[in-house]
Amino acid sequence: MKMKVLFCWDIDTENGEGKRRQFYRKLYGYTQKKEEKTYKYQGVLEEVDGERINQSVILVTEEGAGEIRKLLEDFSEIFGTWRSFKVQE
């Protein structure tokens, strides 16, 4: 059985909306329409082959956990708390 890492977090609503939006765009990716073209930007979660479980909860492989940890640490000022747990698939 493979081990995966479950991440959960709580965002501090006191911090600016812009930082929170920037975090979610980097995590989940986003699409942008310019005139008649649509551009899709891939998020870190898709790059590490992770999945969204619920609001503020994701599941990734152990190999991809480092990328997610780095992202969470880079945006640490917007979080009340965040945790990670190893789980068996």
PDB file of N, CA and C in Angstrom:
ATOM      1  N   MET A   1       0.841  -1.197   0.000  1.00  0.00           N
ATOM      2  CA  MET A   1       0.000   0.000   0.000  1.00  0.00           C
ATOM      3  C   MET A   1       0.877   1.248   0.000  1.00  0.00           C
ATOM      4  N   LYS A   2       0.395   2.256  -0.719  1.00  0.00           N
ATOM      5  CA  LYS A   2       1.134   3.507  -0.814  1.00  0.00           C
ATOM      6  C   LYS A   2       0.773   4.438   0.334  1.00  0.00           C
ATOM      7  N   MET A   3       1.783   5.184   0.757  1.00  0.00           N
ATOM      8  CA  MET A   3       1.548   6.220   1.760  1.00  0.00           C
ATOM      9  C   MET A   3       1.287   7.536   1.027  1.00  0.00           C
ATOM     10  N   LYS A   4       0.335   8.291   1.537  1.00  0.00           N
ATOM     11  CA  LYS A   4       0.040   9.615   1.008  1.00  0.00           C
ATOM     12  C   LYS A   4       0.056  10.597   2.171  1.00  0.00           C
ATOM     13  N   VAL A   5       0.010  11.863   1.839  1.00  0.00           N
ATOM     14  CA  VAL A   5       0.027  12.907   2.864  1.00  0.00           C
ATOM     15  C   VAL A   5      -1.233  13.756   2.710  1.00  0.00           C
ATOM     16  N   LEU A   6      -1.952  13.899   3.801  1.00  0.00           N
ATOM     17  CA  LEU A   6      -3.170  14.704   3.856  1.00  0.00           C
ATOM     18  C   LEU A   6      -2.802  16.058   4.455  1.00  0.00           C
ATOM     19  N   PHE A   7      -3.142  17.110   3.770  1.00  0.00           N
ATOM     20  CA  PHE A   7      -2.894  18.471   4.256  1.00  0.00           C
ATOM     21  C   PHE A   7      -4.228  19.136   4.552  1.00  0.00           C
ATOM     22  N   CYS A   8      -4.294  19.835   5.661  1.00  0.00           N
ATOM     23  CA  CYS A   8      -5.481  20.649   5.966  1.00  0.00           C
ATOM     24  C   CYS A   8      -5.005  21.974   6.558  1.00  0.00           C
ATOM     25  N   TRP A   9      -5.769  23.013   6.322  1.00  0.00           N
ATOM     26  CA  TRP A   9      -5.369  24.335   6.781  1.00  0.00           C
ATOM     27  C   TRP A   9      -6.579  25.184   7.102  1.00  0.00           C
ATOM     28  N   ASP A  10      -6.299  26.262   7.810  1.00  0.00           N
ATOM     29  CA  ASP A  10      -7.307  27.248   8.169  1.00  0.00           C
ATOM     30  C   ASP A  10      -6.720  28.612   7.820  1.00  0.00           C
ATOM     31  N   ILE A  11      -7.395  29.330   6.963  1.00  0.00           N
ATOM     32  CA  ILE A  11      -6.891  30.639   6.548  1.00  0.00           C
ATOM     33  C   ILE A  11      -7.417  31.706   7.486  1.00  0.00           C
ATOM     34  N   ASP A  12      -6.519  32.568   7.915  1.00  0.00           N
ATOM     35  CA  ASP A  12      -6.859  33.687   8.781  1.00  0.00           C
ATOM     36  C   ASP A  12      -7.545  34.755   7.926  1.00  0.00           C
ATOM     37  N   THR A  13      -8.810  35.001   8.191  1.00  0.00           N
ATOM     38  CA  THR A  13      -9.575  35.938   7.359  1.00  0.00           C
ATOM     39  C   THR A  13      -9.177  37.395   7.577  1.00  0.00           C
ATOM     40  N   GLU A  14      -8.349  37.669   8.577  1.00  0.00           N
ATOM     41  CA  GLU A  14      -7.885  39.033   8.827  1.00  0.00           C
ATOM     42  C   GLU A  14      -6.949  39.517   7.725  1.00  0.00           C
ATOM     43  N   ASN A  15      -6.264  38.578   7.075  1.00  0.00           N
ATOM     44  CA  ASN A  15      -5.294  38.951   6.040  1.00  0.00           C
ATOM     45  C   ASN A  15      -5.998  39.265   4.730  1.00  0.00           C
ATOM     46  N   GLY A  16      -5.293  39.945   3.870  1.00  0.00           N
ATOM     47  CA  GLY A  16      -5.863  40.437   2.625  1.00  0.00           C
ATOM     48  C   GLY A  16      -6.382  39.356   1.683  1.00  0.00           C
ATOM     49  N   GLU A  17      -7.429  39.719   0.985  1.00  0.00           N
ATOM     50  CA  GLU A  17      -8.047  38.834   0.001  1.00  0.00           C
ATOM     51  C   GLU A  17      -7.069  38.509  -1.134  1.00  0.00           C
ATOM     52  N   GLY A  18      -6.222  39.455  -1.486  1.00  0.00           N
ATOM     53  CA  GLY A  18      -5.289  39.267  -2.592  1.00  0.00           C
ATOM     54  C   GLY A  18      -4.319  38.120  -2.349  1.00  0.00           C
ATOM     55  N   LYS A  19      -3.768  38.032  -1.155  1.00  0.00           N
ATOM     56  CA  LYS A  19      -2.834  36.946  -0.825  1.00  0.00           C
ATOM     57  C   LYS A  19      -3.541  35.601  -0.849  1.00  0.00           C
ATOM     58  N   ARG A  20      -4.746  35.559  -0.340  1.00  0.00           N
ATOM     59  CA  ARG A  20      -5.512  34.314  -0.327  1.00  0.00           C
ATOM     60  C   ARG A  20      -5.815  33.859  -1.761  1.00  0.00           C
ATOM     61  N   ARG A  21      -6.209  34.773  -2.603  1.00  0.00           N
ATOM     62  CA  ARG A  21      -6.486  34.453  -4.006  1.00  0.00           C
ATOM     63  C   ARG A  21      -5.216  33.971  -4.702  1.00  0.00           C
ATOM     64  N   GLN A  22      -4.100  34.616  -4.413  1.00  0.00           N
ATOM     65  CA  GLN A  22      -2.823  34.224  -5.002  1.00  0.00           C
ATOM     66  C   GLN A  22      -2.443  32.802  -4.580  1.00  0.00           C
ATOM     67  N   PHE A  23      -2.659  32.470  -3.311  1.00  0.00           N
ATOM     68  CA  PHE A  23      -2.373  31.116  -2.820  1.00  0.00           C
ATOM     69  C   PHE A  23      -3.224  30.084  -3.558  1.00  0.00           C
ATOM     70  N   TYR A  24      -4.528  30.303  -3.631  1.00  0.00           N
ATOM     71  CA  TYR A  24      -5.415  29.342  -4.280  1.00  0.00           C
ATOM     72  C   TYR A  24      -5.120  29.198  -5.775  1.00  0.00           C
ATOM     73  N   ARG A  25      -4.736  30.278  -6.431  1.00  0.00           N
ATOM     74  CA  ARG A  25      -4.376  30.185  -7.848  1.00  0.00           C
ATOM     75  C   ARG A  25      -3.127  29.324  -8.029  1.00  0.00           C
ATOM     76  N   LYS A  26      -2.149  29.497  -7.147  1.00  0.00           N
ATOM     77  CA  LYS A  26      -0.933  28.680  -7.250  1.00  0.00           C
ATOM     78  C   LYS A  26      -1.220  27.227  -6.918  1.00  0.00           C
ATOM     79  N   LEU A  27      -2.108  26.984  -5.980  1.00  0.00           N
ATOM     80  CA  LEU A  27      -2.416  25.619  -5.584  1.00  0.00           C
ATOM     81  C   LEU A  27      -3.272  24.904  -6.621  1.00  0.00           C
ATOM     82  N   TYR A  28      -4.388  25.508  -7.021  1.00  0.00           N
ATOM     83  CA  TYR A  28      -5.352  24.843  -7.899  1.00  0.00           C
ATOM     84  C   TYR A  28      -5.219  25.216  -9.375  1.00  0.00           C
ATOM     85  N   GLY A  29      -4.518  26.293  -9.681  1.00  0.00           N
ATOM     86  CA  GLY A  29      -4.444  26.767 -11.052  1.00  0.00           C
ATOM     87  C   GLY A  29      -5.642  27.656 -11.373  1.00  0.00           C
ATOM     88  N   TYR A  30      -5.663  28.181 -12.582  1.00  0.00           N
ATOM     89  CA  TYR A  30      -6.777  29.047 -12.983  1.00  0.00           C
ATOM     90  C   TYR A  30      -6.807  29.188 -14.499  1.00  0.00           C
ATOM     91  N   THR A  31      -7.908  29.691 -15.009  1.00  0.00           N
ATOM     92  CA  THR A  31      -8.029  29.990 -16.433  1.00  0.00           C
ATOM     93  C   THR A  31      -8.219  31.491 -16.601  1.00  0.00           C
ATOM     94  N   GLN A  32      -7.738  31.980 -17.709  1.00  0.00           N
ATOM     95  CA  GLN A  32      -7.833  33.408 -17.991  1.00  0.00           C
ATOM     96  C   GLN A  32      -8.276  33.581 -19.437  1.00  0.00           C
ATOM     97  N   LYS A  33      -9.262  34.429 -19.642  1.00  0.00           N
ATOM     98  CA  LYS A  33      -9.746  34.708 -20.997  1.00  0.00           C
ATOM     99  C   LYS A  33      -9.238  36.077 -21.428  1.00  0.00           C
ATOM    100  N   LYS A  34      -8.636  36.090 -22.612  1.00  0.00           N
ATOM    101  CA  LYS A  34      -8.196  37.343 -23.220  1.00  0.00           C
ATOM    102  C   LYS A  34      -8.749  37.358 -24.627  1.00  0.00           C
ATOM    103  N   GLU A  35      -9.635  38.285 -24.855  1.00  0.00           N
ATOM    104  CA  GLU A  35     -10.324  38.394 -26.131  1.00  0.00           C
ATOM    105  C   GLU A  35     -10.962  37.050 -26.478  1.00  0.00           C
ATOM    106  N   GLU A  36     -10.505  36.383 -27.518  1.00  0.00           N
ATOM    107  CA  GLU A  36     -11.124  35.121 -27.922  1.00  0.00           C
ATOM    108  C   GLU A  36     -10.335  33.903 -27.465  1.00  0.00           C
ATOM    109  N   LYS A  37      -9.211  34.112 -26.802  1.00  0.00           N
ATOM    110  CA  LYS A  37      -8.375  32.994 -26.363  1.00  0.00           C
ATOM    111  C   LYS A  37      -8.573  32.724 -24.877  1.00  0.00           C
ATOM    112  N   THR A  38      -8.436  31.459 -24.517  1.00  0.00           N
ATOM    113  CA  THR A  38      -8.501  31.054 -23.117  1.00  0.00           C
ATOM    114  C   THR A  38      -7.177  30.407 -22.754  1.00  0.00           C
ATOM    115  N   TYR A  39      -6.580  30.879 -21.669  1.00  0.00           N
ATOM    116  CA  TYR A  39      -5.311  30.343 -21.200  1.00  0.00           C
ATOM    117  C   TYR A  39      -5.556  29.599 -19.891  1.00  0.00           C
ATOM    118  N   LYS A  40      -4.997  28.399 -19.786  1.00  0.00           N
ATOM    119  CA  LYS A  40      -5.146  27.602 -18.569  1.00  0.00           C
ATOM    120  C   LYS A  40      -3.779  27.486 -17.910  1.00  0.00           C
ATOM    121  N   TYR A  41      -3.717  27.846 -16.635  1.00  0.00           N
ATOM    122  CA  TYR A  41      -2.488  27.758 -15.865  1.00  0.00           C
ATOM    123  C   TYR A  41      -2.633  26.633 -14.849  1.00  0.00           C
ATOM    124  N   GLN A  42      -1.706  25.712 -14.888  1.00  0.00           N
ATOM    125  CA  GLN A  42      -1.752  24.535 -14.033  1.00  0.00           C
ATOM    126  C   GLN A  42      -1.292  24.896 -12.620  1.00  0.00           C
ATOM    127  N   GLY A  43      -1.970  24.352 -11.626  1.00  0.00           N
ATOM    128  CA  GLY A  43      -1.592  24.584 -10.247  1.00  0.00           C
ATOM    129  C   GLY A  43      -0.655  23.504  -9.735  1.00  0.00           C
ATOM    130  N   VAL A  44      -0.063  23.742  -8.584  1.00  0.00           N
ATOM    131  CA  VAL A  44       0.863  22.794  -7.976  1.00  0.00           C
ATOM    132  C   VAL A  44       0.169  21.468  -7.691  1.00  0.00           C
ATOM    133  N   LEU A  45      -1.078  21.496  -7.274  1.00  0.00           N
ATOM    134  CA  LEU A  45      -1.796  20.265  -6.953  1.00  0.00           C
ATOM    135  C   LEU A  45      -1.882  19.337  -8.159  1.00  0.00           C
ATOM    136  N   GLU A  46      -2.140  19.887  -9.308  1.00  0.00           N
ATOM    137  CA  GLU A  46      -2.204  19.082 -10.530  1.00  0.00           C
ATOM    138  C   GLU A  46      -0.810  18.580 -10.921  1.00  0.00           C
ATOM    139  N   GLU A  47       0.206  19.401 -10.716  1.00  0.00           N
ATOM    140  CA  GLU A  47       1.578  19.015 -11.055  1.00  0.00           C
ATOM    141  C   GLU A  47       2.052  17.818 -10.236  1.00  0.00           C
ATOM    142  N   VAL A  48       1.632  17.745  -8.973  1.00  0.00           N
ATOM    143  CA  VAL A  48       2.082  16.646  -8.100  1.00  0.00           C
ATOM    144  C   VAL A  48       1.066  15.512  -8.064  1.00  0.00           C
ATOM    145  N   ASP A  49       0.070  15.564  -8.944  1.00  0.00           N
ATOM    146  CA  ASP A  49      -0.949  14.522  -9.049  1.00  0.00           C
ATOM    147  C   ASP A  49      -1.698  14.317  -7.731  1.00  0.00           C
ATOM    148  N   GLY A  50      -2.108  15.439  -7.142  1.00  0.00           N
ATOM    149  CA  GLY A  50      -2.868  15.393  -5.899  1.00  0.00           C
ATOM    150  C   GLY A  50      -4.347  15.539  -6.165  1.00  0.00           C
ATOM    151  N   GLU A  51      -5.133  15.478  -5.101  1.00  0.00           N
ATOM    152  CA  GLU A  51      -6.573  15.647  -5.266  1.00  0.00           C
ATOM    153  C   GLU A  51      -7.153  16.468  -4.118  1.00  0.00           C
ATOM    154  N   ARG A  52      -8.164  17.224  -4.461  1.00  0.00           N
ATOM    155  CA  ARG A  52      -8.867  18.026  -3.461  1.00  0.00           C
ATOM    156  C   ARG A  52      -9.911  17.126  -2.805  1.00  0.00           C
ATOM    157  N   ILE A  53      -9.873  17.025  -1.488  1.00  0.00           N
ATOM    158  CA  ILE A  53     -10.797  16.180  -0.747  1.00  0.00           C
ATOM    159  C   ILE A  53     -12.014  16.984  -0.298  1.00  0.00           C
ATOM    160  N   ASN A  54     -11.765  18.169   0.202  1.00  0.00           N
ATOM    161  CA  ASN A  54     -12.810  19.036   0.717  1.00  0.00           C
ATOM    162  C   ASN A  54     -12.245  20.447   0.739  1.00  0.00           C
ATOM    163  N   GLN A  55     -13.035  21.392   1.222  1.00  0.00           N
ATOM    164  CA  GLN A  55     -12.531  22.757   1.341  1.00  0.00           C
ATOM    165  C   GLN A  55     -11.349  22.758   2.303  1.00  0.00           C
ATOM    166  N   SER A  56     -10.212  23.249   1.853  1.00  0.00           N
ATOM    167  CA  SER A  56      -8.991  23.348   2.654  1.00  0.00           C
ATOM    168  C   SER A  56      -8.412  21.998   3.064  1.00  0.00           C
ATOM    169  N   VAL A  57      -8.680  20.957   2.277  1.00  0.00           N
ATOM    170  CA  VAL A  57      -8.121  19.621   2.528  1.00  0.00           C
ATOM    171  C   VAL A  57      -7.715  19.007   1.191  1.00  0.00           C
ATOM    172  N   ILE A  58      -6.444  18.583   1.095  1.00  0.00           N
ATOM    173  CA  ILE A  58      -5.950  17.934  -0.113  1.00  0.00           C
ATOM    174  C   ILE A  58      -5.171  16.677   0.256  1.00  0.00           C
ATOM    175  N   LEU A  59      -5.036  15.774  -0.707  1.00  0.00           N
ATOM    176  CA  LEU A  59      -4.305  14.527  -0.522  1.00  0.00           C
ATOM    177  C   LEU A  59      -3.293  14.400  -1.657  1.00  0.00           C
ATOM    178  N   VAL A  60      -2.011  14.187  -1.310  1.00  0.00           N
ATOM    179  CA  VAL A  60      -0.951  14.077  -2.305  1.00  0.00           C
ATOM    180  C   VAL A  60      -0.050  12.889  -1.976  1.00  0.00           C
ATOM    181  N   THR A  61       0.722  12.471  -2.970  1.00  0.00           N
ATOM    182  CA  THR A  61       1.695  11.409  -2.727  1.00  0.00           C
ATOM    183  C   THR A  61       2.817  11.950  -1.853  1.00  0.00           C
ATOM    184  N   GLU A  62       3.563  11.041  -1.241  1.00  0.00           N
ATOM    185  CA  GLU A  62       4.697  11.474  -0.420  1.00  0.00           C
ATOM    186  C   GLU A  62       5.708  12.252  -1.250  1.00  0.00           C
ATOM    187  N   GLU A  63       5.873  11.862  -2.508  1.00  0.00           N
ATOM    188  CA  GLU A  63       6.822  12.545  -3.388  1.00  0.00           C
ATOM    189  C   GLU A  63       6.414  13.996  -3.637  1.00  0.00           C
ATOM    190  N   GLY A  64       5.132  14.264  -3.734  1.00  0.00           N
ATOM    191  CA  GLY A  64       4.652  15.612  -4.005  1.00  0.00           C
ATOM    192  C   GLY A  64       4.455  16.467  -2.766  1.00  0.00           C
ATOM    193  N   ALA A  65       4.567  15.871  -1.599  1.00  0.00           N
ATOM    194  CA  ALA A  65       4.302  16.592  -0.346  1.00  0.00           C
ATOM    195  C   ALA A  65       5.266  17.752  -0.127  1.00  0.00           C
ATOM    196  N   GLY A  66       6.498  17.610  -0.575  1.00  0.00           N
ATOM    197  CA  GLY A  66       7.478  18.684  -0.399  1.00  0.00           C
ATOM    198  C   GLY A  66       7.072  19.961  -1.102  1.00  0.00           C
ATOM    199  N   GLU A  67       6.524  19.828  -2.308  1.00  0.00           N
ATOM    200  CA  GLU A  67       6.076  21.006  -3.066  1.00  0.00           C
ATOM    201  C   GLU A  67       4.928  21.718  -2.342  1.00  0.00           C
ATOM    202  N   ILE A  68       4.015  20.929  -1.800  1.00  0.00           N
ATOM    203  CA  ILE A  68       2.876  21.517  -1.085  1.00  0.00           C
ATOM    204  C   ILE A  68       3.349  22.197   0.199  1.00  0.00           C
ATOM    205  N   ARG A  69       4.244  21.538   0.935  1.00  0.00           N
ATOM    206  CA  ARG A  69       4.799  22.145   2.158  1.00  0.00           C
ATOM    207  C   ARG A  69       5.458  23.482   1.852  1.00  0.00           C
ATOM    208  N   LYS A  70       6.234  23.515   0.775  1.00  0.00           N
ATOM    209  CA  LYS A  70       6.917  24.748   0.394  1.00  0.00           C
ATOM    210  C   LYS A  70       5.903  25.851   0.093  1.00  0.00           C
ATOM    211  N   LEU A  71       4.840  25.513  -0.629  1.00  0.00           N
ATOM    212  CA  LEU A  71       3.810  26.500  -0.939  1.00  0.00           C
ATOM    213  C   LEU A  71       3.146  27.014   0.339  1.00  0.00           C
ATOM    214  N   LEU A  72       2.808  26.104   1.248  1.00  0.00           N
ATOM    215  CA  LEU A  72       2.187  26.511   2.505  1.00  0.00           C
ATOM    216  C   LEU A  72       3.129  27.390   3.332  1.00  0.00           C
ATOM    217  N   GLU A  73       4.398  27.070   3.335  1.00  0.00           N
ATOM    218  CA  GLU A  73       5.368  27.890   4.072  1.00  0.00           C
ATOM    219  C   GLU A  73       5.552  29.256   3.418  1.00  0.00           C
ATOM    220  N   ASP A  74       5.543  29.298   2.079  1.00  0.00           N
ATOM    221  CA  ASP A  74       5.678  30.569   1.366  1.00  0.00           C
ATOM    222  C   ASP A  74       4.524  31.521   1.680  1.00  0.00           C
ATOM    223  N   PHE A  75       3.348  30.968   1.956  1.00  0.00           N
ATOM    224  CA  PHE A  75       2.169  31.784   2.252  1.00  0.00           C
ATOM    225  C   PHE A  75       1.788  31.709   3.732  1.00  0.00           C
ATOM    226  N   SER A  76       2.739  31.435   4.588  1.00  0.00           N
ATOM    227  CA  SER A  76       2.454  31.209   6.016  1.00  0.00           C
ATOM    228  C   SER A  76       1.743  32.389   6.688  1.00  0.00           C
ATOM    229  N   GLU A  77       1.916  33.605   6.172  1.00  0.00           N
ATOM    230  CA  GLU A  77       1.290  34.765   6.819  1.00  0.00           C
ATOM    231  C   GLU A  77      -0.229  34.775   6.704  1.00  0.00           C
ATOM    232  N   ILE A  78      -0.814  33.996   5.792  1.00  0.00           N
ATOM    233  CA  ILE A  78      -2.281  33.999   5.663  1.00  0.00           C
ATOM    234  C   ILE A  78      -2.944  32.864   6.437  1.00  0.00           C
ATOM    235  N   PHE A  79      -2.154  31.978   7.017  1.00  0.00           N
ATOM    236  CA  PHE A  79      -2.742  30.826   7.696  1.00  0.00           C
ATOM    237  C   PHE A  79      -2.855  31.031   9.192  1.00  0.00           C
ATOM    238  N   GLY A  80      -4.027  30.612   9.734  1.00  0.00           N
ATOM    239  CA  GLY A  80      -4.142  30.502  11.174  1.00  0.00           C
ATOM    240  C   GLY A  80      -3.319  29.287  11.595  1.00  0.00           C
ATOM    241  N   THR A  81      -3.587  28.157  10.943  1.00  0.00           N
ATOM    242  CA  THR A  81      -2.834  26.924  11.178  1.00  0.00           C
ATOM    243  C   THR A  81      -2.851  26.077   9.916  1.00  0.00           C
ATOM    244  N   TRP A  82      -1.892  25.158   9.816  1.00  0.00           N
ATOM    245  CA  TRP A  82      -1.932  24.116   8.796  1.00  0.00           C
ATOM    246  C   TRP A  82      -1.239  22.890   9.354  1.00  0.00           C
ATOM    247  N   ARG A  83      -1.695  21.724   8.938  1.00  0.00           N
ATOM    248  CA  ARG A  83      -1.166  20.447   9.427  1.00  0.00           C
ATOM    249  C   ARG A  83      -1.036  19.471   8.263  1.00  0.00           C
ATOM    250  N   SER A  84      -0.167  18.473   8.464  1.00  0.00           N
ATOM    251  CA  SER A  84      -0.064  17.395   7.493  1.00  0.00           C
ATOM    252  C   SER A  84      -0.043  16.069   8.251  1.00  0.00           C
ATOM    253  N   PHE A  85      -0.641  15.057   7.636  1.00  0.00           N
ATOM    254  CA  PHE A  85      -0.751  13.729   8.244  1.00  0.00           C
ATOM    255  C   PHE A  85      -0.432  12.680   7.194  1.00  0.00           C
ATOM    256  N   LYS A  86       0.356  11.675   7.565  1.00  0.00           N
ATOM    257  CA  LYS A  86       0.605  10.553   6.667  1.00  0.00           C
ATOM    258  C   LYS A  86      -0.544   9.571   6.801  1.00  0.00           C
ATOM    259  N   VAL A  87      -1.065   9.125   5.660  1.00  0.00           N
ATOM    260  CA  VAL A  87      -2.176   8.173   5.651  1.00  0.00           C
ATOM    261  C   VAL A  87      -1.859   7.065   4.651  1.00  0.00           C
ATOM    262  N   GLN A  88      -2.446   5.909   4.865  1.00  0.00           N
ATOM    263  CA  GLN A  88      -2.250   4.804   3.963  1.00  0.00           C
ATOM    264  C   GLN A  88      -3.381   4.766   2.951  1.00  0.00           C
ATOM    265  N   GLU A  89      -3.032   4.524   1.710  1.00  0.00           N
ATOM    266  CA  GLU A  89      -4.043   4.499   0.655  1.00  0.00           C
ATOM    267  C   GLU A  89      -4.798   3.191   0.668  1.00  0.00           C
TER     268      GLU A  89
END
